Amino acid sequence: MNYRNISDLNKIILKRLSIIPRDIDLIVGVPRSGMMPANLLALYLNKPYTDLHSFINGYIYKAGARAQFFDESSGRKNILVVDDSVASGRALAEVKDLLKDHSSRYNIKYCVIYMSPGREKSVDYYFENVALPRYFQWNIMNHTSLEKACFDIDGVLCEDPRPDQNDDGEKYIDFILNAPPLYIPGSKIGSIVTSRLEKYRKETETWLQKYNIKYNELIMLDLPDMKARQQANNHGTHKANAYNSKPYILFVESELGQAREINRLTKKPVFCTETFEMIFEAESVMYNLKSGKYLPFLRKYGLKARAKLRNLKKYSSPKQVALSNE
């Protein structure tokens, strides 16, 4: 498991800024993950920047101006197209295809901050090799693997209740129904695992539906009241048990202490929204084998085998066979 936060992004850009030539005329960010590194590069290099689709339409941003059109009167321009990372290379190939008709007008170079080992030749510049699997702070809530993740509620999906709201009664019910949202994921969640009591399931489900949060399972504490929950004091164990119950690969937790406890019990990574750290101090050998940290060639061949099986299923389905015979 590899994780990079916004501070890491800024540090590696500053550390290796010299790899970017200074004759760049315009920096173009690939929406949306590429916009932050493109903005930072434009700031440090003192260059104009824009997003990909605005560039195609000739619309850019410059220092001291809200926006203006790109001046092409002074010869062929050097364009640096920036994304945050390369994984399989498919997204980058789509960007290149989108810009293929512009290659005669501009000298276009491609740059990413984080490169998957073995894909280096797909770009002109990259800042750091970071192997898969990996998470970035700026897109973790939209990661495609969230259906293999567990999420806490209070402090993650919504604010924590204030002491005066946490009365195990009417005020608490009102809080659950009207809690201000925090980090709402853009992808479906595997399991929501909370220390809220089972008796508040209906109100919790109502709130989750209100904010269109998709999930497979809601796991709550089956205890009679707040006093029993305080006496049990097993928040970390409760969450760790749910995390270990299925082949989940990530837990998103609000409290740093609980995040460390869940990691200690499961030996699997926990993302903490209190500090935006990835807690992975205790590591499972099995998890590291599956993730590719140990014997990475096993994961590589496993992914290739999975891709082949998916293709076989795709083309052997009755619908596909019928189409091929028409």
C-alpha atoms as a PDB file:
ATOM      1  CA  MET A   1       0.000   0.000   0.000  1.00  0.00           C
ATOM      2  CA  ASN A   2       1.435   3.341  -1.076  1.00  0.00           C
ATOM      3  CA  TYR A   3      -0.142   6.638  -0.046  1.00  0.00           C
ATOM      4  CA  ARG A   4       0.662  10.223  -0.956  1.00  0.00           C
ATOM      5  CA  ASN A   5      -0.997  13.303   0.541  1.00  0.00           C
ATOM      6  CA  ILE A   6      -1.073  16.884  -0.710  1.00  0.00           C
ATOM      7  CA  SER A   7       2.049  17.739   1.300  1.00  0.00           C
ATOM      8  CA  ASP A   8       3.911  14.837  -0.369  1.00  0.00           C
ATOM      9  CA  LEU A   9       2.766  16.090  -3.770  1.00  0.00           C
ATOM     10  CA  ASN A  10       4.060  19.585  -3.092  1.00  0.00           C
ATOM     11  CA  LYS A  11       7.387  18.307  -1.718  1.00  0.00           C
ATOM     12  CA  ILE A  12       8.204  16.050  -4.670  1.00  0.00           C
ATOM     13  CA  ILE A  13       7.345  18.807  -7.161  1.00  0.00           C
ATOM     14  CA  LEU A  14       9.668  21.244  -5.386  1.00  0.00           C
ATOM     15  CA  LYS A  15      12.396  18.621  -5.000  1.00  0.00           C
ATOM     16  CA  ARG A  16      12.510  17.738  -8.706  1.00  0.00           C
ATOM     17  CA  LEU A  17      11.241  20.947 -10.298  1.00  0.00           C
ATOM     18  CA  SER A  18      14.432  21.230 -12.366  1.00  0.00           C
ATOM     19  CA  ILE A  19      13.402  18.324 -14.629  1.00  0.00           C
ATOM     20  CA  ILE A  20      10.875  20.617 -16.350  1.00  0.00           C
ATOM     21  CA  PRO A  21      12.387  22.834 -19.080  1.00  0.00           C
ATOM     22  CA  ARG A  22      11.878  26.576 -18.720  1.00  0.00           C
ATOM     23  CA  ASP A  23      10.761  27.171 -22.311  1.00  0.00           C
ATOM     24  CA  ILE A  24       7.259  25.866 -21.548  1.00  0.00           C
ATOM     25  CA  ASP A  25       4.659  28.383 -22.730  1.00  0.00           C
ATOM     26  CA  LEU A  26       1.546  26.835 -21.188  1.00  0.00           C
ATOM     27  CA  ILE A  27       0.738  24.172 -18.602  1.00  0.00           C
ATOM     28  CA  VAL A  28      -2.427  22.132 -19.191  1.00  0.00           C
ATOM     29  CA  GLY A  29      -4.010  20.118 -16.379  1.00  0.00           C
ATOM     30  CA  VAL A  30      -6.012  16.952 -17.056  1.00  0.00           C
ATOM     31  CA  PRO A  31      -9.312  17.182 -15.114  1.00  0.00           C
ATOM     32  CA  ARG A  32      -9.685  16.573 -12.436  1.00  0.00           C
ATOM     33  CA  SER A  33      -6.763  14.919 -10.652  1.00  0.00           C
ATOM     34  CA  GLY A  34      -4.227  16.694 -12.849  1.00  0.00           C
ATOM     35  CA  MET A  35      -5.441  20.193 -12.033  1.00  0.00           C
ATOM     36  CA  MET A  36      -3.735  20.439  -8.630  1.00  0.00           C
ATOM     37  CA  PRO A  37      -0.226  19.450  -9.817  1.00  0.00           C
ATOM     38  CA  ALA A  38      -0.693  21.604 -12.937  1.00  0.00           C
ATOM     39  CA  ASN A  39      -1.580  24.582 -10.745  1.00  0.00           C
ATOM     40  CA  LEU A  40       1.456  24.003  -8.508  1.00  0.00           C
ATOM     41  CA  LEU A  41       3.799  23.699 -11.476  1.00  0.00           C
ATOM     42  CA  ALA A  42       2.356  26.868 -13.011  1.00  0.00           C
ATOM     43  CA  LEU A  43       2.846  28.663  -9.681  1.00  0.00           C
ATOM     44  CA  TYR A  44       6.476  27.600  -9.205  1.00  0.00           C
ATOM     45  CA  LEU A  45       7.464  28.046 -12.850  1.00  0.00           C
ATOM     46  CA  ASN A  46       5.478  31.282 -13.199  1.00  0.00           C
ATOM     47  CA  LYS A  47       3.696  30.008 -16.298  1.00  0.00           C
ATOM     48  CA  PRO A  48       0.087  30.343 -17.479  1.00  0.00           C
ATOM     49  CA  TYR A  49      -2.111  27.285 -17.091  1.00  0.00           C
ATOM     50  CA  THR A  50      -5.499  25.959 -18.047  1.00  0.00           C
ATOM     51  CA  ASP A  51      -7.500  22.744 -18.086  1.00  0.00           C
ATOM     52  CA  LEU A  52      -7.517  20.336 -21.008  1.00  0.00           C
ATOM     53  CA  HIS A  53     -10.866  21.285 -22.517  1.00  0.00           C
ATOM     54  CA  SER A  54     -10.251  25.015 -22.145  1.00  0.00           C
ATOM     55  CA  PHE A  55      -6.916  24.546 -23.926  1.00  0.00           C
ATOM     56  CA  ILE A  56      -8.663  22.847 -26.836  1.00  0.00           C
ATOM     57  CA  ASN A  57     -10.913  25.927 -27.040  1.00  0.00           C
ATOM     58  CA  GLY A  58      -7.986  28.373 -26.690  1.00  0.00           C
ATOM     59  CA  TYR A  59      -8.977  29.613 -23.234  1.00  0.00           C
ATOM     60  CA  ILE A  60      -6.288  30.007 -20.512  1.00  0.00           C
ATOM     61  CA  TYR A  61      -5.522  31.639 -17.150  1.00  0.00           C
ATOM     62  CA  LYS A  62      -2.648  34.027 -16.512  1.00  0.00           C
ATOM     63  CA  ALA A  63      -1.278  35.749 -13.421  1.00  0.00           C
ATOM     64  CA  GLY A  64      -3.095  38.997 -12.740  1.00  0.00           C
ATOM     65  CA  ALA A  65      -5.987  38.139 -15.033  1.00  0.00           C
ATOM     66  CA  ARG A  66      -9.114  36.088 -14.568  1.00  0.00           C
ATOM     67  CA  ALA A  67      -8.862  34.472 -17.979  1.00  0.00           C
ATOM     68  CA  GLN A  68      -7.881  35.225 -21.549  1.00  0.00           C
ATOM     69  CA  PHE A  69      -7.349  33.546 -24.890  1.00  0.00           C
ATOM     70  CA  PHE A  70      -4.030  31.964 -25.782  1.00  0.00           C
ATOM     71  CA  ASP A  71      -1.860  34.171 -27.993  1.00  0.00           C
ATOM     72  CA  GLU A  72      -0.541  32.075 -30.881  1.00  0.00           C
ATOM     73  CA  SER A  73       0.923  34.934 -32.882  1.00  0.00           C
ATOM     74  CA  SER A  74       4.544  34.461 -31.775  1.00  0.00           C
ATOM     75  CA  GLY A  75       5.253  31.023 -33.231  1.00  0.00           C
ATOM     76  CA  ARG A  76       4.777  27.391 -32.236  1.00  0.00           C
ATOM     77  CA  LYS A  77       4.122  27.054 -28.513  1.00  0.00           C
ATOM     78  CA  ASN A  78       5.533  24.508 -26.067  1.00  0.00           C
ATOM     79  CA  ILE A  79       2.707  22.853 -24.111  1.00  0.00           C
ATOM     80  CA  LEU A  80       3.127  20.725 -20.989  1.00  0.00           C
ATOM     81  CA  VAL A  81       0.141  18.435 -20.321  1.00  0.00           C
ATOM     82  CA  VAL A  82       0.048  17.376 -16.655  1.00  0.00           C
ATOM     83  CA  ASP A  83      -1.770  14.585 -14.810  1.00  0.00           C
ATOM     84  CA  ASP A  84      -1.224  13.311 -11.288  1.00  0.00           C
ATOM     85  CA  SER A  85      -0.290   9.739 -12.209  1.00  0.00           C
ATOM     86  CA  VAL A  86      -0.050   6.887 -14.671  1.00  0.00           C
ATOM     87  CA  ALA A  87      -1.387   3.466 -13.679  1.00  0.00           C
ATOM     88  CA  SER A  88      -2.283   1.302 -16.689  1.00  0.00           C
ATOM     89  CA  GLY A  89      -1.699   4.174 -19.105  1.00  0.00           C
ATOM     90  CA  ARG A  90      -5.218   3.965 -20.547  1.00  0.00           C
ATOM     91  CA  ALA A  91      -6.312   7.420 -19.335  1.00  0.00           C
ATOM     92  CA  LEU A  92      -3.145   9.014 -20.704  1.00  0.00           C
ATOM     93  CA  ALA A  93      -3.709   7.320 -24.076  1.00  0.00           C
ATOM     94  CA  GLU A  94      -7.188   8.859 -24.191  1.00  0.00           C
ATOM     95  CA  VAL A  95      -5.734  12.328 -23.527  1.00  0.00           C
ATOM     96  CA  LYS A  96      -3.151  11.862 -26.281  1.00  0.00           C
ATOM     97  CA  ASP A  97      -5.877  10.768 -28.669  1.00  0.00           C
ATOM     98  CA  LEU A  98      -7.918  13.846 -27.769  1.00  0.00           C
ATOM     99  CA  LEU A  99      -4.934  16.083 -28.592  1.00  0.00           C
ATOM    100  CA  LYS A 100      -3.686  14.296 -31.702  1.00  0.00           C
ATOM    101  CA  ASP A 101      -5.135  16.954 -34.022  1.00  0.00           C
ATOM    102  CA  HIS A 102      -3.223  19.663 -32.094  1.00  0.00           C
ATOM    103  CA  SER A 103       0.231  18.118 -32.444  1.00  0.00           C
ATOM    104  CA  SER A 104       0.894  19.939 -35.716  1.00  0.00           C
ATOM    105  CA  ARG A 105       0.164  23.337 -34.137  1.00  0.00           C
ATOM    106  CA  TYR A 106       1.910  22.821 -30.775  1.00  0.00           C
ATOM    107  CA  ASN A 107       4.961  21.076 -29.369  1.00  0.00           C
ATOM    108  CA  ILE A 108       3.171  18.955 -26.747  1.00  0.00           C
ATOM    109  CA  LYS A 109       4.986  17.204 -23.905  1.00  0.00           C
ATOM    110  CA  TYR A 110       3.424  14.992 -21.240  1.00  0.00           C
ATOM    111  CA  CYS A 111       4.186  14.953 -17.517  1.00  0.00           C
ATOM    112  CA  VAL A 112       2.895  13.063 -14.480  1.00  0.00           C
ATOM    113  CA  ILE A 113       3.923  13.300 -10.864  1.00  0.00           C
ATOM    114  CA  TYR A 114       3.575   9.627  -9.887  1.00  0.00           C
ATOM    115  CA  MET A 115       4.581   6.885 -12.303  1.00  0.00           C
ATOM    116  CA  SER A 116       3.890   3.149 -12.142  1.00  0.00           C
ATOM    117  CA  PRO A 117       7.140   1.212 -12.603  1.00  0.00           C
ATOM    118  CA  GLY A 118       7.421  -0.070 -16.160  1.00  0.00           C
ATOM    119  CA  ARG A 119       5.344   2.755 -17.711  1.00  0.00           C
ATOM    120  CA  GLU A 120       8.079   5.396 -17.729  1.00  0.00           C
ATOM    121  CA  LYS A 121       8.298   5.634 -21.520  1.00  0.00           C
ATOM    122  CA  SER A 122       4.640   6.724 -21.767  1.00  0.00           C
ATOM    123  CA  VAL A 123       5.522  10.315 -20.732  1.00  0.00           C
ATOM    124  CA  ASP A 124       8.277  12.859 -21.253  1.00  0.00           C
ATOM    125  CA  TYR A 125       8.671  13.763 -17.557  1.00  0.00           C
ATOM    126  CA  TYR A 126       7.709  12.141 -14.250  1.00  0.00           C
ATOM    127  CA  PHE A 127       8.630  12.991 -10.693  1.00  0.00           C
ATOM    128  CA  GLU A 128       8.466   9.751  -8.677  1.00  0.00           C
ATOM    129  CA  ASN A 129       7.936   6.024  -9.173  1.00  0.00           C
ATOM    130  CA  VAL A 130       5.115   4.800  -6.931  1.00  0.00           C
ATOM    131  CA  ALA A 131       3.945   1.218  -7.356  1.00  0.00           C
ATOM    132  CA  LEU A 132       0.359  -0.005  -7.213  1.00  0.00           C
ATOM    133  CA  PRO A 133      -1.760  -0.362  -5.139  1.00  0.00           C
ATOM    134  CA  ARG A 134      -1.758   3.278  -4.113  1.00  0.00           C
ATOM    135  CA  TYR A 135      -4.066   6.009  -2.836  1.00  0.00           C
ATOM    136  CA  PHE A 136      -3.832   9.786  -3.119  1.00  0.00           C
ATOM    137  CA  GLN A 137      -5.432  12.207  -0.667  1.00  0.00           C
ATOM    138  CA  TRP A 138      -7.019  14.216  -3.474  1.00  0.00           C
ATOM    139  CA  ASN A 139      -8.930  11.320  -5.032  1.00  0.00           C
ATOM    140  CA  ILE A 140      -9.319   8.681  -2.325  1.00  0.00           C
ATOM    141  CA  MET A 141     -13.061   9.409  -2.017  1.00  0.00           C
ATOM    142  CA  ASN A 142     -13.537   8.561  -5.691  1.00  0.00           C
ATOM    143  CA  HIS A 143     -11.267   5.539  -5.848  1.00  0.00           C
ATOM    144  CA  THR A 144     -12.596   2.603  -7.839  1.00  0.00           C
ATOM    145  CA  SER A 145     -11.804   0.171  -5.004  1.00  0.00           C
ATOM    146  CA  LEU A 146     -14.089   1.741  -2.360  1.00  0.00           C
ATOM    147  CA  GLU A 147     -16.462  -1.214  -2.675  1.00  0.00           C
ATOM    148  CA  LYS A 148     -13.623  -3.146  -1.013  1.00  0.00           C
ATOM    149  CA  ALA A 149     -13.477  -0.613   1.848  1.00  0.00           C
ATOM    150  CA  CYS A 150     -15.143   0.013   5.209  1.00  0.00           C
ATOM    151  CA  PHE A 151     -16.222   3.519   6.282  1.00  0.00           C
ATOM    152  CA  ASP A 152     -16.952   4.952   9.701  1.00  0.00           C
ATOM    153  CA  ILE A 153     -19.817   7.487   9.832  1.00  0.00           C
ATOM    154  CA  ASP A 154     -19.234  10.124  12.540  1.00  0.00           C
ATOM    155  CA  GLY A 155     -16.170  12.196  11.681  1.00  0.00           C
ATOM    156  CA  VAL A 156     -15.992  10.695   8.185  1.00  0.00           C
ATOM    157  CA  LEU A 157     -19.314  10.833   6.348  1.00  0.00           C
ATOM    158  CA  CYS A 158     -20.674  13.470   8.726  1.00  0.00           C
ATOM    159  CA  GLU A 159     -19.611  15.629  11.657  1.00  0.00           C
ATOM    160  CA  ASP A 160     -19.256  14.163  15.136  1.00  0.00           C
ATOM    161  CA  PRO A 161     -22.117  14.990  17.522  1.00  0.00           C
ATOM    162  CA  ARG A 162     -21.453  17.682  20.109  1.00  0.00           C
ATOM    163  CA  PRO A 163     -21.630  16.571  23.780  1.00  0.00           C
ATOM    164  CA  ASP A 164     -24.998  18.298  24.186  1.00  0.00           C
ATOM    165  CA  GLN A 165     -26.375  16.350  21.193  1.00  0.00           C
ATOM    166  CA  ASN A 166     -25.147  12.982  22.435  1.00  0.00           C
ATOM    167  CA  ASP A 167     -27.957  12.313  24.928  1.00  0.00           C
ATOM    168  CA  ASP A 168     -29.057   8.889  23.613  1.00  0.00           C
ATOM    169  CA  GLY A 169     -32.486  10.425  23.120  1.00  0.00           C
ATOM    170  CA  GLU A 170     -34.376  13.030  21.116  1.00  0.00           C
ATOM    171  CA  LYS A 171     -31.401  15.367  20.644  1.00  0.00           C
ATOM    172  CA  TYR A 172     -29.286  12.512  19.334  1.00  0.00           C
ATOM    173  CA  ILE A 173     -32.014  11.401  16.929  1.00  0.00           C
ATOM    174  CA  ASP A 174     -32.249  14.981  15.665  1.00  0.00           C
ATOM    175  CA  PHE A 175     -28.475  15.007  15.169  1.00  0.00           C
ATOM    176  CA  ILE A 176     -28.531  11.765  13.163  1.00  0.00           C
ATOM    177  CA  LEU A 177     -31.283  13.026  10.885  1.00  0.00           C
ATOM    178  CA  ASN A 178     -29.684  16.440  10.329  1.00  0.00           C
ATOM    179  CA  ALA A 179     -25.928  15.842  10.701  1.00  0.00           C
ATOM    180  CA  PRO A 180     -23.846  18.097   8.410  1.00  0.00           C
ATOM    181  CA  PRO A 181     -22.058  15.956   5.784  1.00  0.00           C
ATOM    182  CA  LEU A 182     -18.257  15.818   5.582  1.00  0.00           C
ATOM    183  CA  TYR A 183     -16.530  13.462   3.118  1.00  0.00           C
ATOM    184  CA  ILE A 184     -19.103  11.969   0.772  1.00  0.00           C
ATOM    185  CA  PRO A 185     -17.570   9.322  -1.519  1.00  0.00           C
ATOM    186  CA  GLY A 186     -18.280   9.322  -5.224  1.00  0.00           C
ATOM    187  CA  SER A 187     -18.154   5.525  -5.426  1.00  0.00           C
ATOM    188  CA  LYS A 188     -20.095   2.742  -3.748  1.00  0.00           C
ATOM    189  CA  ILE A 189     -18.810   1.654  -0.305  1.00  0.00           C
ATOM    190  CA  GLY A 190     -18.412  -1.965   0.748  1.00  0.00           C
ATOM    191  CA  SER A 191     -19.513  -1.695   4.397  1.00  0.00           C
ATOM    192  CA  ILE A 192     -20.356   1.235   6.630  1.00  0.00           C
ATOM    193  CA  VAL A 193     -19.154   0.261  10.108  1.00  0.00           C
ATOM    194  CA  THR A 194     -20.211   2.468  12.986  1.00  0.00           C
ATOM    195  CA  SER A 195     -20.337   2.455  16.787  1.00  0.00           C
ATOM    196  CA  ARG A 196     -23.831   3.889  16.595  1.00  0.00           C
ATOM    197  CA  LEU A 197     -26.387   1.653  18.274  1.00  0.00           C
ATOM    198  CA  GLU A 198     -28.585  -0.710  16.288  1.00  0.00           C
ATOM    199  CA  LYS A 199     -31.725   1.049  17.572  1.00  0.00           C
ATOM    200  CA  TYR A 200     -30.786   4.084  15.448  1.00  0.00           C
ATOM    201  CA  ARG A 201     -30.613   2.116  12.176  1.00  0.00           C
ATOM    202  CA  LYS A 202     -33.771   3.653  10.663  1.00  0.00           C
ATOM    203  CA  GLU A 203     -32.607   7.251  11.259  1.00  0.00           C
ATOM    204  CA  THR A 204     -29.091   6.443  10.024  1.00  0.00           C
ATOM    205  CA  GLU A 205     -30.400   4.848   6.820  1.00  0.00           C
ATOM    206  CA  THR A 206     -32.632   7.880   6.255  1.00  0.00           C
ATOM    207  CA  TRP A 207     -29.604  10.200   6.453  1.00  0.00           C
ATOM    208  CA  LEU A 208     -27.509   7.988   4.150  1.00  0.00           C
ATOM    209  CA  GLN A 209     -30.309   7.958   1.584  1.00  0.00           C
ATOM    210  CA  LYS A 210     -30.664  11.736   1.860  1.00  0.00           C
ATOM    211  CA  TYR A 211     -27.053  12.188   0.702  1.00  0.00           C
ATOM    212  CA  ASN A 212     -27.252   9.390  -1.874  1.00  0.00           C
ATOM    213  CA  ILE A 213     -24.489   7.360  -0.222  1.00  0.00           C
ATOM    214  CA  LYS A 214     -24.286   3.918  -1.834  1.00  0.00           C
ATOM    215  CA  TYR A 215     -23.158   0.932   0.226  1.00  0.00           C
ATOM    216  CA  ASN A 216     -23.590  -2.835   0.477  1.00  0.00           C
ATOM    217  CA  GLU A 217     -23.959  -3.197   4.239  1.00  0.00           C
ATOM    218  CA  LEU A 218     -24.495  -1.101   7.378  1.00  0.00           C
ATOM    219  CA  ILE A 219     -22.943  -2.656  10.512  1.00  0.00           C
ATOM    220  CA  MET A 220     -23.957  -1.150  13.866  1.00  0.00           C
ATOM    221  CA  LEU A 221     -23.427  -2.009  17.561  1.00  0.00           C
ATOM    222  CA  ASP A 222     -26.100  -4.320  18.911  1.00  0.00           C
ATOM    223  CA  LEU A 223     -26.216  -2.945  22.473  1.00  0.00           C
ATOM    224  CA  PRO A 224     -29.223  -1.577  24.373  1.00  0.00           C
ATOM    225  CA  ASP A 225     -28.059   1.949  25.180  1.00  0.00           C
ATOM    226  CA  MET A 226     -25.191   4.431  25.409  1.00  0.00           C
ATOM    227  CA  LYS A 227     -24.232   3.266  28.912  1.00  0.00           C
ATOM    228  CA  ALA A 228     -23.753  -0.302  27.681  1.00  0.00           C
ATOM    229  CA  ARG A 229     -21.714   0.982  24.763  1.00  0.00           C
ATOM    230  CA  GLN A 230     -19.461   2.999  27.089  1.00  0.00           C
ATOM    231  CA  GLN A 231     -18.987  -0.007  29.371  1.00  0.00           C
ATOM    232  CA  ALA A 232     -18.123  -2.287  26.450  1.00  0.00           C
ATOM    233  CA  ASN A 233     -15.631   0.274  25.090  1.00  0.00           C
ATOM    234  CA  ASN A 234     -14.935  -1.942  22.099  1.00  0.00           C
ATOM    235  CA  HIS A 235     -15.146   0.512  19.199  1.00  0.00           C
ATOM    236  CA  GLY A 236     -11.832  -0.548  17.675  1.00  0.00           C
ATOM    237  CA  THR A 237     -12.543  -4.278  18.080  1.00  0.00           C
ATOM    238  CA  HIS A 238     -16.045  -3.896  16.615  1.00  0.00           C
ATOM    239  CA  LYS A 239     -14.684  -2.139  13.538  1.00  0.00           C
ATOM    240  CA  ALA A 240     -11.691  -4.458  13.185  1.00  0.00           C
ATOM    241  CA  ASN A 241     -13.961  -7.528  13.230  1.00  0.00           C
ATOM    242  CA  ALA A 242     -16.051  -6.090  10.395  1.00  0.00           C
ATOM    243  CA  TYR A 243     -12.892  -5.162   8.465  1.00  0.00           C
ATOM    244  CA  ASN A 244     -11.566  -8.716   8.811  1.00  0.00           C
ATOM    245  CA  SER A 245     -14.888 -10.382   7.984  1.00  0.00           C
ATOM    246  CA  LYS A 246     -14.366  -9.951   4.217  1.00  0.00           C
ATOM    247  CA  PRO A 247     -11.376  -9.331   1.930  1.00  0.00           C
ATOM    248  CA  TYR A 248     -11.557  -5.578   2.457  1.00  0.00           C
ATOM    249  CA  ILE A 249      -8.421  -3.585   1.612  1.00  0.00           C
ATOM    250  CA  LEU A 250      -9.065  -0.254   3.391  1.00  0.00           C
ATOM    251  CA  PHE A 251     -10.830   1.179   6.442  1.00  0.00           C
ATOM    252  CA  VAL A 252     -11.653   4.902   6.614  1.00  0.00           C
ATOM    253  CA  GLU A 253     -11.751   6.032  10.261  1.00  0.00           C
ATOM    254  CA  SER A 254     -12.020   9.458  11.881  1.00  0.00           C
ATOM    255  CA  GLU A 255     -10.118   9.027  15.169  1.00  0.00           C
ATOM    256  CA  LEU A 256      -6.360   8.535  15.092  1.00  0.00           C
ATOM    257  CA  GLY A 257      -6.367   6.315  18.210  1.00  0.00           C
ATOM    258  CA  GLN A 258      -9.043   4.039  16.776  1.00  0.00           C
ATOM    259  CA  ALA A 259      -7.302   4.010  13.397  1.00  0.00           C
ATOM    260  CA  ARG A 260      -4.139   2.690  15.060  1.00  0.00           C
ATOM    261  CA  GLU A 261      -6.137   0.123  17.033  1.00  0.00           C
ATOM    262  CA  ILE A 262      -7.939  -1.144  13.908  1.00  0.00           C
ATOM    263  CA  ASN A 263      -4.617  -1.408  12.089  1.00  0.00           C
ATOM    264  CA  ARG A 264      -3.034  -3.233  15.040  1.00  0.00           C
ATOM    265  CA  LEU A 265      -5.861  -5.772  15.160  1.00  0.00           C
ATOM    266  CA  THR A 266      -6.219  -6.338  11.414  1.00  0.00           C
ATOM    267  CA  LYS A 267      -2.704  -5.574  10.143  1.00  0.00           C
ATOM    268  CA  LYS A 268      -4.410  -3.849   7.211  1.00  0.00           C
ATOM    269  CA  PRO A 269      -4.222  -0.138   6.253  1.00  0.00           C
ATOM    270  CA  VAL A 270      -6.503   2.460   7.802  1.00  0.00           C
ATOM    271  CA  PHE A 271      -6.993   5.949   6.362  1.00  0.00           C
ATOM    272  CA  CYS A 272      -7.524   8.489   9.155  1.00  0.00           C
ATOM    273  CA  THR A 273      -9.536  11.634   8.321  1.00  0.00           C
ATOM    274  CA  GLU A 274      -8.402  13.337  11.541  1.00  0.00           C
ATOM    275  CA  THR A 275      -4.868  13.688  10.189  1.00  0.00           C
ATOM    276  CA  PHE A 276      -5.197  12.503   6.564  1.00  0.00           C
ATOM    277  CA  GLU A 277      -2.587   9.833   7.311  1.00  0.00           C
ATOM    278  CA  MET A 278      -2.531   6.262   6.081  1.00  0.00           C
ATOM    279  CA  ILE A 279      -1.959   4.128   9.180  1.00  0.00           C
ATOM    280  CA  PHE A 280      -0.139   0.942   8.250  1.00  0.00           C
ATOM    281  CA  GLU A 281       2.272   0.379  11.103  1.00  0.00           C
ATOM    282  CA  ALA A 282       1.248  -3.275  11.589  1.00  0.00           C
ATOM    283  CA  GLU A 283       1.442  -5.152   8.280  1.00  0.00           C
ATOM    284  CA  SER A 284      -0.079  -8.495   7.338  1.00  0.00           C
ATOM    285  CA  VAL A 285       2.074 -10.844   5.258  1.00  0.00           C
ATOM    286  CA  MET A 286      -1.021 -12.032   3.377  1.00  0.00           C
ATOM    287  CA  TYR A 287      -2.144  -8.466   2.672  1.00  0.00           C
ATOM    288  CA  ASN A 288       1.297  -7.534   1.393  1.00  0.00           C
ATOM    289  CA  LEU A 289       1.350 -10.606  -0.858  1.00  0.00           C
ATOM    290  CA  LYS A 290      -2.048  -9.680  -2.324  1.00  0.00           C
ATOM    291  CA  SER A 291      -1.119  -6.014  -2.712  1.00  0.00           C
ATOM    292  CA  GLY A 292       2.204  -6.798  -4.387  1.00  0.00           C
ATOM    293  CA  LYS A 293       4.509  -5.374  -1.744  1.00  0.00           C
ATOM    294  CA  TYR A 294       5.976  -8.862  -1.342  1.00  0.00           C
ATOM    295  CA  LEU A 295       6.720 -10.894  -4.510  1.00  0.00           C
ATOM    296  CA  PRO A 296       5.190  -8.267  -6.835  1.00  0.00           C
ATOM    297  CA  PHE A 297       5.380 -10.603  -9.851  1.00  0.00           C
ATOM    298  CA  LEU A 298       2.626 -12.750  -8.267  1.00  0.00           C
ATOM    299  CA  ARG A 299       0.239  -9.796  -8.222  1.00  0.00           C
ATOM    300  CA  LYS A 300       1.246  -8.845 -11.765  1.00  0.00           C
ATOM    301  CA  TYR A 301       0.443 -12.296 -13.128  1.00  0.00           C
ATOM    302  CA  GLY A 302      -2.717 -12.483 -11.027  1.00  0.00           C
ATOM    303  CA  LEU A 303      -4.018  -9.250 -12.555  1.00  0.00           C
ATOM    304  CA  LYS A 304      -3.208 -10.511 -16.058  1.00  0.00           C
ATOM    305  CA  ALA A 305      -5.044 -13.768 -15.374  1.00  0.00           C
ATOM    306  CA  ARG A 306      -8.068 -11.859 -14.052  1.00  0.00           C
ATOM    307  CA  ALA A 307      -8.133  -9.656 -17.169  1.00  0.00           C
ATOM    308  CA  LYS A 308      -8.058 -12.727 -19.428  1.00  0.00           C
ATOM    309  CA  LEU A 309     -10.891 -14.384 -17.483  1.00  0.00           C
ATOM    310  CA  ARG A 310     -12.994 -11.233 -17.758  1.00  0.00           C
ATOM    311  CA  ASN A 311     -12.426 -11.106 -21.511  1.00  0.00           C
ATOM    312  CA  LEU A 312     -13.386 -14.784 -21.841  1.00  0.00           C
ATOM    313  CA  LYS A 313     -16.609 -14.175 -19.907  1.00  0.00           C
ATOM    314  CA  LYS A 314     -17.352 -11.095 -21.984  1.00  0.00           C
ATOM    315  CA  TYR A 315     -17.030 -12.830 -25.340  1.00  0.00           C
ATOM    316  CA  SER A 316     -18.549 -16.159 -24.290  1.00  0.00           C
ATOM    317  CA  SER A 317     -21.816 -14.659 -22.986  1.00  0.00           C
ATOM    318  CA  PRO A 318     -24.972 -15.676 -24.950  1.00  0.00           C
ATOM    319  CA  LYS A 319     -25.500 -12.077 -26.107  1.00  0.00           C
ATOM    320  CA  GLN A 320     -21.966 -11.786 -27.479  1.00  0.00           C
ATOM    321  CA  VAL A 321     -22.214 -15.179 -29.225  1.00  0.00           C
ATOM    322  CA  ALA A 322     -25.505 -14.190 -30.818  1.00  0.00           C
ATOM    323  CA  LEU A 323     -24.016 -10.936 -32.090  1.00  0.00           C
ATOM    324  CA  SER A 324     -20.972 -12.663 -33.525  1.00  0.00           C
ATOM    325  CA  ASN A 325     -23.194 -15.063 -35.495  1.00  0.00           C
ATOM    326  CA  GLU A 326     -25.281 -12.311 -37.118  1.00  0.00           C
END
